Amino acid sequence: MPAKEQSPRRVYGGRSAADRRAERRGRLLEAGLELFGTEGYAASSIEKLCAAASVSTRNFYEEFSSREALLMAIHNQVIESAVGEVSTAFAETDDQPVTVRIERAVRAYITRTAADPRRAKLSYVEIIGVSPAVEAHRLAWRARWVQMLVSEAKRAVARGEAEEREFGLGAVALIGAVNELVFHWSTDGYQTPLDDVIAEVIRMAKAVIIPPGTAAAPD
């Protein structure tokens, strides 16, 4: 029996169903960033999100199982882009001292996650304490950052730029300090210049890898 011919994909207005769905998803992601990052997660109902994205409630649930799922998807976008920026910073400073690498990486991370006030509010304020599922998501990202920081510290040890010790606790403490600092900065109305926030994080990051009193390569 001959194989049944596949029906052609339906195309409306020059766009396939997949294209239209991807466009709707993109609008929902942008609407979520705007509303979660300005009005806040609690104040952004699914109805508001759908209105802002010009989609139906049915369309929303075709893409996301809940508001939490949308929040985590946007947070993933923000943090994945930050990971990319940090990785690029490390690659571009491969032969540089650890102090230079820390400065470039911290600047890349904070700029990517906080220069846009909506990203800062979503990543450092609205993502906190939403639900057990969102907390598990956030802590999974924290574990990845800890691993990245510990790897950089061990690299510095291997290059003779730092002394061997347990870096994990310091990495967790640094991430907590960064989250609290940017949280304070965002909820305080962004009154402090972002460069000052970055400079403070750089000082803390250097202290985690190179404790005060330890000789280090010059900046």
N, C-alpha and C. Protein backbone atom coordinates (compact mmCIF):
# COMPACT_ATOMS: atom_id res chain seq x y z
N MET A 1 0.86 -1.19 0.00
CA MET A 1 0.00 0.00 0.00
C MET A 1 0.89 1.23 0.00
N PRO A 2 0.70 2.16 -0.93
CA PRO A 2 1.57 3.32 -1.01
C PRO A 2 1.47 4.18 0.24
N ALA A 3 2.62 4.82 0.57
CA ALA A 3 2.64 5.69 1.76
C ALA A 3 1.68 6.85 1.57
N LYS A 4 1.05 7.19 2.66
CA LYS A 4 0.10 8.30 2.62
C LYS A 4 0.85 9.62 2.50
N GLU A 5 0.42 10.44 1.56
CA GLU A 5 1.08 11.73 1.38
C GLU A 5 0.83 12.63 2.58
N GLN A 6 1.88 13.33 3.00
CA GLN A 6 1.74 14.28 4.10
C GLN A 6 1.08 15.55 3.59
N SER A 7 0.15 16.05 4.36
CA SER A 7 -0.50 17.30 3.96
C SER A 7 0.46 18.45 4.15
N PRO A 8 0.46 19.40 3.23
CA PRO A 8 1.37 20.54 3.35
C PRO A 8 1.06 21.36 4.60
N ARG A 9 2.12 21.99 5.12
CA ARG A 9 1.91 22.85 6.29
C ARG A 9 1.05 24.05 5.89
N ARG A 10 0.11 24.39 6.75
CA ARG A 10 -0.75 25.52 6.45
C ARG A 10 0.00 26.82 6.62
N VAL A 11 -0.16 27.69 5.65
CA VAL A 11 0.51 28.98 5.68
C VAL A 11 -0.54 30.07 5.51
N TYR A 12 -0.54 31.02 6.42
CA TYR A 12 -1.48 32.14 6.37
C TYR A 12 -0.67 33.43 6.34
N GLY A 13 -0.98 34.29 5.38
CA GLY A 13 -0.28 35.57 5.30
C GLY A 13 1.22 35.40 5.14
N GLY A 14 1.64 34.31 4.49
CA GLY A 14 3.06 34.10 4.27
C GLY A 14 3.80 33.53 5.46
N ARG A 15 3.09 33.18 6.56
CA ARG A 15 3.74 32.65 7.76
C ARG A 15 3.11 31.31 8.13
N SER A 16 3.94 30.37 8.51
CA SER A 16 3.45 29.06 8.92
C SER A 16 2.89 29.14 10.33
N ALA A 17 2.19 28.09 10.74
CA ALA A 17 1.65 28.03 12.10
C ALA A 17 2.77 28.08 13.12
N ALA A 18 3.89 27.43 12.82
CA ALA A 18 5.03 27.44 13.73
C ALA A 18 5.59 28.85 13.89
N ASP A 19 5.66 29.57 12.78
CA ASP A 19 6.16 30.95 12.84
C ASP A 19 5.25 31.83 13.69
N ARG A 20 3.94 31.66 13.49
CA ARG A 20 3.00 32.49 14.25
C ARG A 20 3.06 32.14 15.74
N ARG A 21 3.22 30.86 16.03
CA ARG A 21 3.31 30.46 17.44
C ARG A 21 4.59 31.00 18.07
N ALA A 22 5.69 30.96 17.35
CA ALA A 22 6.95 31.50 17.88
C ALA A 22 6.82 33.00 18.13
N GLU A 23 6.11 33.69 17.23
CA GLU A 23 5.90 35.12 17.41
C GLU A 23 5.05 35.39 18.66
N ARG A 24 3.99 34.60 18.86
CA ARG A 24 3.16 34.77 20.05
C ARG A 24 3.98 34.53 21.33
N ARG A 25 4.80 33.50 21.30
CA ARG A 25 5.64 33.19 22.46
C ARG A 25 6.58 34.37 22.76
N GLY A 26 7.17 34.91 21.69
CA GLY A 26 8.06 36.05 21.87
C GLY A 26 7.34 37.25 22.47
N ARG A 27 6.10 37.48 22.03
CA ARG A 27 5.33 38.60 22.59
C ARG A 27 5.01 38.37 24.06
N LEU A 28 4.72 37.13 24.42
CA LEU A 28 4.44 36.82 25.83
C LEU A 28 5.69 37.00 26.69
N LEU A 29 6.83 36.60 26.18
CA LEU A 29 8.08 36.78 26.92
C LEU A 29 8.37 38.27 27.12
N GLU A 30 8.14 39.05 26.09
CA GLU A 30 8.39 40.49 26.20
C GLU A 30 7.38 41.14 27.14
N ALA A 31 6.12 40.72 27.05
CA ALA A 31 5.10 41.25 27.95
C ALA A 31 5.41 40.89 29.39
N GLY A 32 5.88 39.67 29.61
CA GLY A 32 6.24 39.25 30.96
C GLY A 32 7.39 40.06 31.52
N LEU A 33 8.41 40.29 30.70
CA LEU A 33 9.54 41.11 31.16
C LEU A 33 9.06 42.51 31.52
N GLU A 34 8.20 43.08 30.69
CA GLU A 34 7.71 44.44 30.94
C GLU A 34 6.86 44.51 32.21
N LEU A 35 5.90 43.61 32.34
CA LEU A 35 4.99 43.68 33.49
C LEU A 35 5.64 43.20 34.78
N PHE A 36 6.31 42.05 34.74
CA PHE A 36 6.99 41.57 35.94
C PHE A 36 8.08 42.55 36.36
N GLY A 37 8.72 43.17 35.35
CA GLY A 37 9.83 44.07 35.65
C GLY A 37 9.44 45.48 35.98
N THR A 38 8.15 45.79 35.91
CA THR A 38 7.70 47.15 36.27
C THR A 38 6.63 47.07 37.36
N GLU A 39 5.50 46.43 37.06
CA GLU A 39 4.42 46.33 38.04
C GLU A 39 4.66 45.25 39.09
N GLY A 40 5.47 44.24 38.73
CA GLY A 40 5.76 43.15 39.65
C GLY A 40 4.98 41.90 39.32
N TYR A 41 5.49 40.76 39.77
CA TYR A 41 4.87 39.46 39.47
C TYR A 41 3.46 39.36 40.04
N ALA A 42 3.29 39.72 41.29
CA ALA A 42 1.99 39.56 41.95
C ALA A 42 0.90 40.39 41.28
N ALA A 43 1.27 41.52 40.73
CA ALA A 43 0.29 42.43 40.13
C ALA A 43 0.02 42.12 38.65
N SER A 44 0.71 41.13 38.11
CA SER A 44 0.60 40.84 36.68
C SER A 44 -0.19 39.56 36.45
N SER A 45 -1.47 39.70 36.26
CA SER A 45 -2.33 38.54 36.04
C SER A 45 -2.14 38.00 34.63
N ILE A 46 -2.62 36.80 34.43
CA ILE A 46 -2.56 36.21 33.09
C ILE A 46 -3.36 37.06 32.10
N GLU A 47 -4.47 37.61 32.57
CA GLU A 47 -5.27 38.47 31.69
C GLU A 47 -4.48 39.70 31.26
N LYS A 48 -3.76 40.30 32.20
CA LYS A 48 -2.93 41.47 31.86
C LYS A 48 -1.83 41.09 30.88
N LEU A 49 -1.20 39.97 31.13
CA LEU A 49 -0.12 39.51 30.26
C LEU A 49 -0.64 39.27 28.85
N CYS A 50 -1.81 38.63 28.75
CA CYS A 50 -2.39 38.35 27.44
C CYS A 50 -2.75 39.63 26.71
N ALA A 51 -3.30 40.59 27.44
CA ALA A 51 -3.66 41.86 26.82
C ALA A 51 -2.41 42.58 26.31
N ALA A 52 -1.36 42.58 27.10
CA ALA A 52 -0.12 43.26 26.70
C ALA A 52 0.52 42.58 25.50
N ALA A 53 0.38 41.25 25.41
CA ALA A 53 0.98 40.50 24.31
C ALA A 53 0.06 40.36 23.11
N SER A 54 -1.19 40.82 23.25
CA SER A 54 -2.20 40.68 22.18
C SER A 54 -2.41 39.22 21.79
N VAL A 55 -2.57 38.38 22.82
CA VAL A 55 -2.87 36.96 22.58
C VAL A 55 -4.05 36.58 23.45
N SER A 56 -4.65 35.45 23.14
CA SER A 56 -5.76 34.95 23.93
C SER A 56 -5.24 34.14 25.12
N THR A 57 -6.12 33.91 26.09
CA THR A 57 -5.74 33.05 27.22
C THR A 57 -5.40 31.65 26.73
N ARG A 58 -6.14 31.17 25.74
CA ARG A 58 -5.84 29.84 25.19
C ARG A 58 -4.43 29.82 24.61
N ASN A 59 -4.05 30.89 23.90
CA ASN A 59 -2.70 30.98 23.36
C ASN A 59 -1.65 30.95 24.47
N PHE A 60 -1.96 31.64 25.57
CA PHE A 60 -1.02 31.65 26.70
C PHE A 60 -0.74 30.23 27.16
N TYR A 61 -1.80 29.47 27.39
CA TYR A 61 -1.63 28.12 27.94
C TYR A 61 -1.06 27.13 26.91
N GLU A 62 -1.09 27.51 25.64
CA GLU A 62 -0.38 26.69 24.64
C GLU A 62 1.13 26.82 24.79
N GLU A 63 1.57 27.93 25.36
CA GLU A 63 3.01 28.18 25.49
C GLU A 63 3.54 27.94 26.90
N PHE A 64 2.76 28.31 27.90
CA PHE A 64 3.22 28.24 29.28
C PHE A 64 2.13 27.63 30.16
N SER A 65 2.54 26.77 31.07
CA SER A 65 1.56 26.11 31.93
C SER A 65 1.03 27.03 33.02
N SER A 66 1.75 28.12 33.31
CA SER A 66 1.36 29.02 34.40
C SER A 66 2.17 30.31 34.31
N ARG A 67 1.81 31.27 35.15
CA ARG A 67 2.63 32.49 35.25
C ARG A 67 4.03 32.16 35.74
N GLU A 68 4.12 31.20 36.66
CA GLU A 68 5.43 30.78 37.17
C GLU A 68 6.32 30.29 36.03
N ALA A 69 5.73 29.51 35.12
CA ALA A 69 6.50 28.98 33.99
C ALA A 69 7.01 30.12 33.12
N LEU A 70 6.18 31.14 32.91
CA LEU A 70 6.62 32.30 32.13
C LEU A 70 7.73 33.05 32.86
N LEU A 71 7.57 33.25 34.16
CA LEU A 71 8.60 33.93 34.95
C LEU A 71 9.94 33.20 34.84
N MET A 72 9.90 31.88 34.99
CA MET A 72 11.15 31.11 34.93
C MET A 72 11.76 31.13 33.52
N ALA A 73 10.91 31.14 32.50
CA ALA A 73 11.41 31.20 31.13
C ALA A 73 12.13 32.53 30.87
N ILE A 74 11.56 33.62 31.37
CA ILE A 74 12.21 34.93 31.20
C ILE A 74 13.50 34.99 32.01
N HIS A 75 13.46 34.48 33.23
CA HIS A 75 14.66 34.46 34.06
C HIS A 75 15.76 33.64 33.38
N ASN A 76 15.38 32.52 32.78
CA ASN A 76 16.36 31.73 32.02
C ASN A 76 17.00 32.56 30.91
N GLN A 77 16.18 33.30 30.19
CA GLN A 77 16.71 34.14 29.11
C GLN A 77 17.75 35.13 29.63
N VAL A 78 17.40 35.80 30.73
CA VAL A 78 18.29 36.80 31.30
C VAL A 78 19.60 36.17 31.76
N ILE A 79 19.50 35.08 32.52
CA ILE A 79 20.69 34.48 33.10
C ILE A 79 21.53 33.76 32.05
N GLU A 80 20.89 33.11 31.10
CA GLU A 80 21.66 32.46 30.03
C GLU A 80 22.45 33.49 29.22
N SER A 81 21.85 34.65 28.99
CA SER A 81 22.59 35.69 28.27
C SER A 81 23.75 36.21 29.13
N ALA A 82 23.55 36.26 30.46
CA ALA A 82 24.63 36.68 31.35
C ALA A 82 25.76 35.65 31.36
N VAL A 83 25.40 34.36 31.36
CA VAL A 83 26.42 33.31 31.28
C VAL A 83 27.25 33.48 30.01
N GLY A 84 26.58 33.78 28.92
CA GLY A 84 27.29 33.99 27.66
C GLY A 84 28.25 35.16 27.74
N GLU A 85 27.81 36.25 28.36
CA GLU A 85 28.68 37.43 28.50
C GLU A 85 29.88 37.13 29.39
N VAL A 86 29.66 36.41 30.48
CA VAL A 86 30.75 36.07 31.39
C VAL A 86 31.74 35.13 30.71
N SER A 87 31.23 34.15 29.98
CA SER A 87 32.10 33.23 29.26
C SER A 87 32.95 33.97 28.23
N THR A 88 32.35 34.93 27.55
CA THR A 88 33.10 35.74 26.59
C THR A 88 34.18 36.55 27.30
N ALA A 89 33.84 37.12 28.45
CA ALA A 89 34.81 37.90 29.22
C ALA A 89 35.99 37.04 29.63
N PHE A 90 35.73 35.82 30.08
CA PHE A 90 36.81 34.92 30.47
C PHE A 90 37.65 34.53 29.26
N ALA A 91 37.00 34.27 28.13
CA ALA A 91 37.73 33.87 26.93
C ALA A 91 38.64 34.99 26.44
N GLU A 92 38.17 36.22 26.55
CA GLU A 92 38.95 37.36 26.06
C GLU A 92 40.09 37.74 27.00
N THR A 93 40.07 37.21 28.22
CA THR A 93 41.14 37.52 29.19
C THR A 93 41.87 36.25 29.61
N ASP A 94 41.95 35.29 28.71
CA ASP A 94 42.52 33.99 29.05
C ASP A 94 43.94 34.09 29.58
N ASP A 95 44.72 35.02 29.07
CA ASP A 95 46.12 35.14 29.50
C ASP A 95 46.34 36.26 30.51
N GLN A 96 45.24 36.81 31.05
CA GLN A 96 45.34 37.93 31.98
C GLN A 96 45.33 37.44 33.43
N PRO A 97 45.82 38.28 34.37
CA PRO A 97 45.78 37.92 35.79
C PRO A 97 44.34 37.73 36.27
N VAL A 98 44.19 36.99 37.34
CA VAL A 98 42.85 36.70 37.86
C VAL A 98 42.11 37.97 38.23
N THR A 99 42.81 38.99 38.69
CA THR A 99 42.13 40.23 39.05
C THR A 99 41.45 40.89 37.85
N VAL A 100 42.13 40.83 36.71
CA VAL A 100 41.55 41.38 35.49
C VAL A 100 40.35 40.55 35.05
N ARG A 101 40.49 39.23 35.13
CA ARG A 101 39.42 38.34 34.72
C ARG A 101 38.18 38.54 35.60
N ILE A 102 38.39 38.72 36.91
CA ILE A 102 37.26 38.96 37.81
C ILE A 102 36.55 40.25 37.45
N GLU A 103 37.32 41.31 37.23
CA GLU A 103 36.71 42.61 36.91
C GLU A 103 35.87 42.52 35.64
N ARG A 104 36.41 41.90 34.60
CA ARG A 104 35.69 41.80 33.34
C ARG A 104 34.43 40.95 33.50
N ALA A 105 34.55 39.84 34.20
CA ALA A 105 33.42 38.93 34.36
C ALA A 105 32.30 39.56 35.19
N VAL A 106 32.67 40.20 36.29
CA VAL A 106 31.66 40.84 37.15
C VAL A 106 30.95 41.95 36.38
N ARG A 107 31.72 42.76 35.69
CA ARG A 107 31.11 43.86 34.92
C ARG A 107 30.15 43.30 33.87
N ALA A 108 30.54 42.23 33.21
CA ALA A 108 29.68 41.62 32.19
C ALA A 108 28.39 41.11 32.82
N TYR A 109 28.51 40.44 33.97
CA TYR A 109 27.33 39.84 34.61
C TYR A 109 26.36 40.91 35.12
N ILE A 110 26.88 41.87 35.87
CA ILE A 110 25.99 42.89 36.45
C ILE A 110 25.37 43.76 35.35
N THR A 111 26.15 44.11 34.36
CA THR A 111 25.61 44.93 33.27
C THR A 111 24.48 44.19 32.56
N ARG A 112 24.70 42.90 32.31
CA ARG A 112 23.69 42.13 31.57
C ARG A 112 22.41 41.94 32.37
N THR A 113 22.54 41.76 33.67
CA THR A 113 21.36 41.46 34.48
C THR A 113 20.71 42.68 35.11
N ALA A 114 21.42 43.81 35.17
CA ALA A 114 20.88 44.94 35.94
C ALA A 114 20.82 46.26 35.19
N ALA A 115 21.51 46.40 34.05
CA ALA A 115 21.48 47.69 33.34
C ALA A 115 20.07 48.05 32.90
N ASP A 116 19.29 47.05 32.49
CA ASP A 116 17.87 47.25 32.19
C ASP A 116 17.12 47.08 33.51
N PRO A 117 16.48 48.14 34.03
CA PRO A 117 15.79 48.05 35.31
C PRO A 117 14.76 46.92 35.38
N ARG A 118 14.16 46.58 34.26
CA ARG A 118 13.19 45.49 34.26
C ARG A 118 13.87 44.16 34.55
N ARG A 119 15.03 43.96 33.95
CA ARG A 119 15.79 42.73 34.20
C ARG A 119 16.24 42.67 35.66
N ALA A 120 16.68 43.82 36.17
CA ALA A 120 17.13 43.85 37.56
C ALA A 120 15.99 43.50 38.52
N LYS A 121 14.84 44.10 38.29
CA LYS A 121 13.70 43.84 39.18
C LYS A 121 13.27 42.38 39.09
N LEU A 122 13.22 41.86 37.88
CA LEU A 122 12.79 40.47 37.72
C LEU A 122 13.81 39.50 38.33
N SER A 123 15.10 39.74 38.09
CA SER A 123 16.13 38.78 38.47
C SER A 123 16.53 38.84 39.94
N TYR A 124 16.36 40.00 40.56
CA TYR A 124 16.84 40.17 41.93
C TYR A 124 15.72 40.42 42.94
N VAL A 125 14.52 40.71 42.46
CA VAL A 125 13.41 41.03 43.37
C VAL A 125 12.26 40.05 43.16
N GLU A 126 11.70 40.04 41.95
CA GLU A 126 10.47 39.29 41.70
C GLU A 126 10.67 37.78 41.71
N ILE A 127 11.86 37.31 41.44
CA ILE A 127 12.11 35.87 41.39
C ILE A 127 12.18 35.25 42.78
N ILE A 128 12.32 36.08 43.81
CA ILE A 128 12.54 35.58 45.17
C ILE A 128 11.23 35.15 45.82
N GLY A 129 11.21 33.92 46.36
CA GLY A 129 10.11 33.46 47.20
C GLY A 129 8.76 33.30 46.55
N VAL A 130 8.72 33.13 45.24
CA VAL A 130 7.43 33.01 44.55
C VAL A 130 6.73 31.70 44.91
N SER A 131 7.48 30.61 44.85
CA SER A 131 6.90 29.28 45.12
C SER A 131 8.06 28.30 45.26
N PRO A 132 7.80 27.09 45.78
CA PRO A 132 8.86 26.09 45.85
C PRO A 132 9.49 25.79 44.48
N ALA A 133 8.66 25.75 43.44
CA ALA A 133 9.19 25.45 42.11
C ALA A 133 10.13 26.54 41.62
N VAL A 134 9.74 27.79 41.82
CA VAL A 134 10.59 28.91 41.38
C VAL A 134 11.85 28.99 42.23
N GLU A 135 11.73 28.70 43.53
CA GLU A 135 12.92 28.69 44.39
C GLU A 135 13.90 27.60 43.96
N ALA A 136 13.37 26.43 43.59
CA ALA A 136 14.25 25.36 43.11
C ALA A 136 14.96 25.78 41.83
N HIS A 137 14.24 26.46 40.96
CA HIS A 137 14.81 26.99 39.73
C HIS A 137 15.93 27.99 40.05
N ARG A 138 15.65 28.91 40.95
CA ARG A 138 16.64 29.94 41.31
C ARG A 138 17.88 29.31 41.95
N LEU A 139 17.68 28.35 42.83
CA LEU A 139 18.81 27.72 43.51
C LEU A 139 19.64 26.87 42.56
N ALA A 140 19.00 26.32 41.54
CA ALA A 140 19.75 25.57 40.53
C ALA A 140 20.71 26.49 39.78
N TRP A 141 20.23 27.70 39.48
CA TRP A 141 21.11 28.67 38.83
C TRP A 141 22.22 29.10 39.79
N ARG A 142 21.91 29.26 41.06
CA ARG A 142 22.94 29.62 42.04
C ARG A 142 24.04 28.57 42.08
N ALA A 143 23.66 27.30 42.03
CA ALA A 143 24.64 26.22 42.05
C ALA A 143 25.57 26.29 40.84
N ARG A 144 25.01 26.67 39.69
CA ARG A 144 25.85 26.80 38.49
C ARG A 144 26.84 27.94 38.63
N TRP A 145 26.40 29.06 39.21
CA TRP A 145 27.31 30.18 39.42
C TRP A 145 28.39 29.83 40.44
N VAL A 146 28.02 29.10 41.48
CA VAL A 146 29.01 28.66 42.46
C VAL A 146 30.08 27.81 41.78
N GLN A 147 29.64 26.89 40.95
CA GLN A 147 30.58 26.02 40.24
C GLN A 147 31.52 26.85 39.36
N MET A 148 30.99 27.86 38.68
CA MET A 148 31.81 28.70 37.82
C MET A 148 32.84 29.48 38.63
N LEU A 149 32.41 30.03 39.78
CA LEU A 149 33.33 30.79 40.63
C LEU A 149 34.42 29.90 41.21
N VAL A 150 34.05 28.71 41.66
CA VAL A 150 35.03 27.78 42.23
C VAL A 150 36.04 27.37 41.15
N SER A 151 35.57 27.14 39.94
CA SER A 151 36.48 26.78 38.84
C SER A 151 37.48 27.89 38.57
N GLU A 152 37.01 29.13 38.60
CA GLU A 152 37.91 30.27 38.38
C GLU A 152 38.92 30.38 39.51
N ALA A 153 38.48 30.14 40.75
CA ALA A 153 39.39 30.20 41.89
C ALA A 153 40.46 29.11 41.78
N LYS A 154 40.05 27.92 41.39
CA LYS A 154 41.02 26.83 41.25
C LYS A 154 42.00 27.12 40.12
N ARG A 155 41.52 27.77 39.09
CA ARG A 155 42.43 28.18 38.00
C ARG A 155 43.48 29.14 38.54
N ALA A 156 43.05 30.07 39.40
CA ALA A 156 44.00 31.03 39.98
C ALA A 156 45.03 30.32 40.86
N VAL A 157 44.58 29.29 41.58
CA VAL A 157 45.51 28.51 42.41
C VAL A 157 46.55 27.82 41.53
N ALA A 158 46.08 27.21 40.45
CA ALA A 158 46.99 26.50 39.55
C ALA A 158 48.01 27.44 38.91
N ARG A 159 47.64 28.70 38.75
CA ARG A 159 48.55 29.69 38.15
C ARG A 159 49.39 30.41 39.20
N GLY A 160 49.24 30.02 40.46
CA GLY A 160 50.03 30.63 41.52
C GLY A 160 49.55 32.01 41.93
N GLU A 161 48.29 32.31 41.63
CA GLU A 161 47.74 33.63 41.95
C GLU A 161 46.92 33.62 43.24
N ALA A 162 46.62 32.46 43.77
CA ALA A 162 45.83 32.33 45.00
C ALA A 162 46.26 31.09 45.74
N GLU A 163 45.92 31.03 47.01
CA GLU A 163 46.26 29.87 47.82
C GLU A 163 45.10 28.87 47.84
N GLU A 164 45.46 27.60 47.87
CA GLU A 164 44.45 26.55 47.91
C GLU A 164 43.64 26.62 49.20
N ARG A 165 42.33 26.56 49.08
CA ARG A 165 41.45 26.50 50.24
C ARG A 165 40.06 26.09 49.76
N GLU A 166 39.11 26.02 50.65
CA GLU A 166 37.74 25.70 50.29
C GLU A 166 37.06 26.97 49.77
N PHE A 167 36.72 27.00 48.49
CA PHE A 167 36.15 28.20 47.89
C PHE A 167 34.63 28.18 47.82
N GLY A 168 34.01 27.02 48.05
CA GLY A 168 32.57 26.91 47.87
C GLY A 168 31.76 27.84 48.75
N LEU A 169 32.10 27.90 50.04
CA LEU A 169 31.34 28.76 50.95
C LEU A 169 31.49 30.23 50.59
N GLY A 170 32.69 30.60 50.21
CA GLY A 170 32.91 31.99 49.80
C GLY A 170 32.11 32.34 48.56
N ALA A 171 32.00 31.38 47.64
CA ALA A 171 31.23 31.62 46.42
C ALA A 171 29.75 31.80 46.73
N VAL A 172 29.21 30.96 47.63
CA VAL A 172 27.81 31.10 48.04
C VAL A 172 27.60 32.46 48.72
N ALA A 173 28.54 32.83 49.60
CA ALA A 173 28.42 34.12 50.30
C ALA A 173 28.46 35.29 49.32
N LEU A 174 29.33 35.19 48.31
CA LEU A 174 29.42 36.26 47.31
C LEU A 174 28.11 36.40 46.54
N ILE A 175 27.55 35.29 46.11
CA ILE A 175 26.30 35.35 45.34
C ILE A 175 25.18 35.94 46.20
N GLY A 176 25.12 35.54 47.47
CA GLY A 176 24.11 36.11 48.35
C GLY A 176 24.30 37.61 48.52
N ALA A 177 25.56 38.04 48.66
CA ALA A 177 25.84 39.47 48.80
C ALA A 177 25.48 40.24 47.55
N VAL A 178 25.77 39.67 46.39
CA VAL A 178 25.44 40.33 45.13
C VAL A 178 23.93 40.47 45.00
N ASN A 179 23.21 39.39 45.28
CA ASN A 179 21.74 39.45 45.18
C ASN A 179 21.17 40.52 46.11
N GLU A 180 21.67 40.57 47.34
CA GLU A 180 21.16 41.54 48.30
C GLU A 180 21.53 42.97 47.90
N LEU A 181 22.73 43.15 47.39
CA LEU A 181 23.18 44.48 46.99
C LEU A 181 22.35 45.01 45.82
N VAL A 182 22.17 44.18 44.80
CA VAL A 182 21.40 44.64 43.64
C VAL A 182 19.92 44.77 44.01
N PHE A 183 19.43 43.90 44.89
CA PHE A 183 18.05 44.03 45.40
C PHE A 183 17.89 45.41 46.05
N HIS A 184 18.82 45.77 46.93
CA HIS A 184 18.77 47.08 47.60
C HIS A 184 18.84 48.21 46.58
N TRP A 185 19.74 48.08 45.62
CA TRP A 185 19.92 49.11 44.59
C TRP A 185 18.63 49.31 43.80
N SER A 186 17.98 48.16 43.41
CA SER A 186 16.76 48.28 42.61
C SER A 186 15.59 48.84 43.38
N THR A 187 15.43 48.37 44.64
CA THR A 187 14.29 48.84 45.44
C THR A 187 14.51 50.24 45.98
N ASP A 188 15.74 50.73 45.92
CA ASP A 188 16.06 52.08 46.38
C ASP A 188 15.93 53.10 45.26
N GLY A 189 15.39 52.66 44.14
CA GLY A 189 15.14 53.59 43.03
C GLY A 189 16.35 53.86 42.17
N TYR A 190 17.33 52.96 42.16
CA TYR A 190 18.50 53.08 41.29
C TYR A 190 19.24 54.40 41.50
N GLN A 191 19.27 54.88 42.76
CA GLN A 191 19.90 56.17 43.04
C GLN A 191 21.42 56.10 42.94
N THR A 192 21.99 54.97 43.29
CA THR A 192 23.45 54.80 43.21
C THR A 192 23.84 54.45 41.78
N PRO A 193 24.90 55.08 41.24
CA PRO A 193 25.33 54.71 39.88
C PRO A 193 25.66 53.22 39.79
N LEU A 194 25.27 52.59 38.69
CA LEU A 194 25.51 51.17 38.53
C LEU A 194 27.00 50.85 38.59
N ASP A 195 27.83 51.75 38.11
CA ASP A 195 29.28 51.52 38.17
C ASP A 195 29.77 51.37 39.60
N ASP A 196 29.14 52.08 40.54
CA ASP A 196 29.52 51.95 41.95
C ASP A 196 29.13 50.58 42.49
N VAL A 197 27.98 50.10 42.06
CA VAL A 197 27.54 48.75 42.46
C VAL A 197 28.51 47.71 41.91
N ILE A 198 28.87 47.86 40.65
CA ILE A 198 29.81 46.92 40.02
C ILE A 198 31.15 46.94 40.75
N ALA A 199 31.64 48.12 41.07
CA ALA A 199 32.94 48.23 41.76
C ALA A 199 32.90 47.52 43.11
N GLU A 200 31.78 47.63 43.82
CA GLU A 200 31.66 46.96 45.12
C GLU A 200 31.65 45.44 44.96
N VAL A 201 30.96 44.95 43.95
CA VAL A 201 30.92 43.51 43.70
C VAL A 201 32.31 43.01 43.31
N ILE A 202 33.03 43.78 42.51
CA ILE A 202 34.39 43.39 42.13
C ILE A 202 35.27 43.24 43.35
N ARG A 203 35.17 44.18 44.30
CA ARG A 203 35.98 44.09 45.53
C ARG A 203 35.64 42.82 46.30
N MET A 204 34.35 42.51 46.40
CA MET A 204 33.96 41.31 47.13
C MET A 204 34.43 40.05 46.42
N ALA A 205 34.32 40.02 45.09
CA ALA A 205 34.71 38.84 44.33
C ALA A 205 36.21 38.59 44.45
N LYS A 206 36.99 39.65 44.41
CA LYS A 206 38.44 39.49 44.57
C LYS A 206 38.77 38.93 45.95
N ALA A 207 38.05 39.38 46.95
CA ALA A 207 38.32 38.93 48.32
C ALA A 207 38.00 37.45 48.50
N VAL A 208 37.02 36.94 47.74
CA VAL A 208 36.69 35.51 47.83
C VAL A 208 37.83 34.65 47.30
N ILE A 209 38.43 35.08 46.19
CA ILE A 209 39.49 34.28 45.57
C ILE A 209 40.86 34.62 46.16
N ILE A 210 41.09 35.90 46.42
CA ILE A 210 42.39 36.33 46.95
C ILE A 210 42.14 37.05 48.27
N PRO A 211 42.20 36.35 49.39
CA PRO A 211 41.93 36.97 50.70
C PRO A 211 42.90 38.12 50.98
N PRO A 212 42.47 39.12 51.75
CA PRO A 212 43.34 40.24 52.10
C PRO A 212 44.66 39.75 52.67
N GLY A 213 45.76 40.37 52.23
CA GLY A 213 47.07 39.98 52.73
C GLY A 213 47.77 38.96 51.87
N THR A 214 47.03 38.38 50.87
CA THR A 214 47.62 37.41 49.97
C THR A 214 48.17 38.13 48.75
N ALA A 215 49.38 37.81 48.37
CA ALA A 215 49.97 38.45 47.20
C ALA A 215 49.23 38.01 45.98
N ALA A 216 49.04 38.95 45.06
CA ALA A 216 48.34 38.62 43.80
C ALA A 216 49.02 39.32 42.66
N ALA A 217 48.76 38.84 41.47
CA ALA A 217 49.32 39.47 40.28
C ALA A 217 48.74 40.87 40.15
N PRO A 218 49.50 41.83 39.65
CA PRO A 218 49.01 43.20 39.53
C PRO A 218 47.87 43.30 38.54
N ASP A 219 46.96 44.29 38.78
CA ASP A 219 45.83 44.49 37.86
C ASP A 219 46.35 44.96 36.51
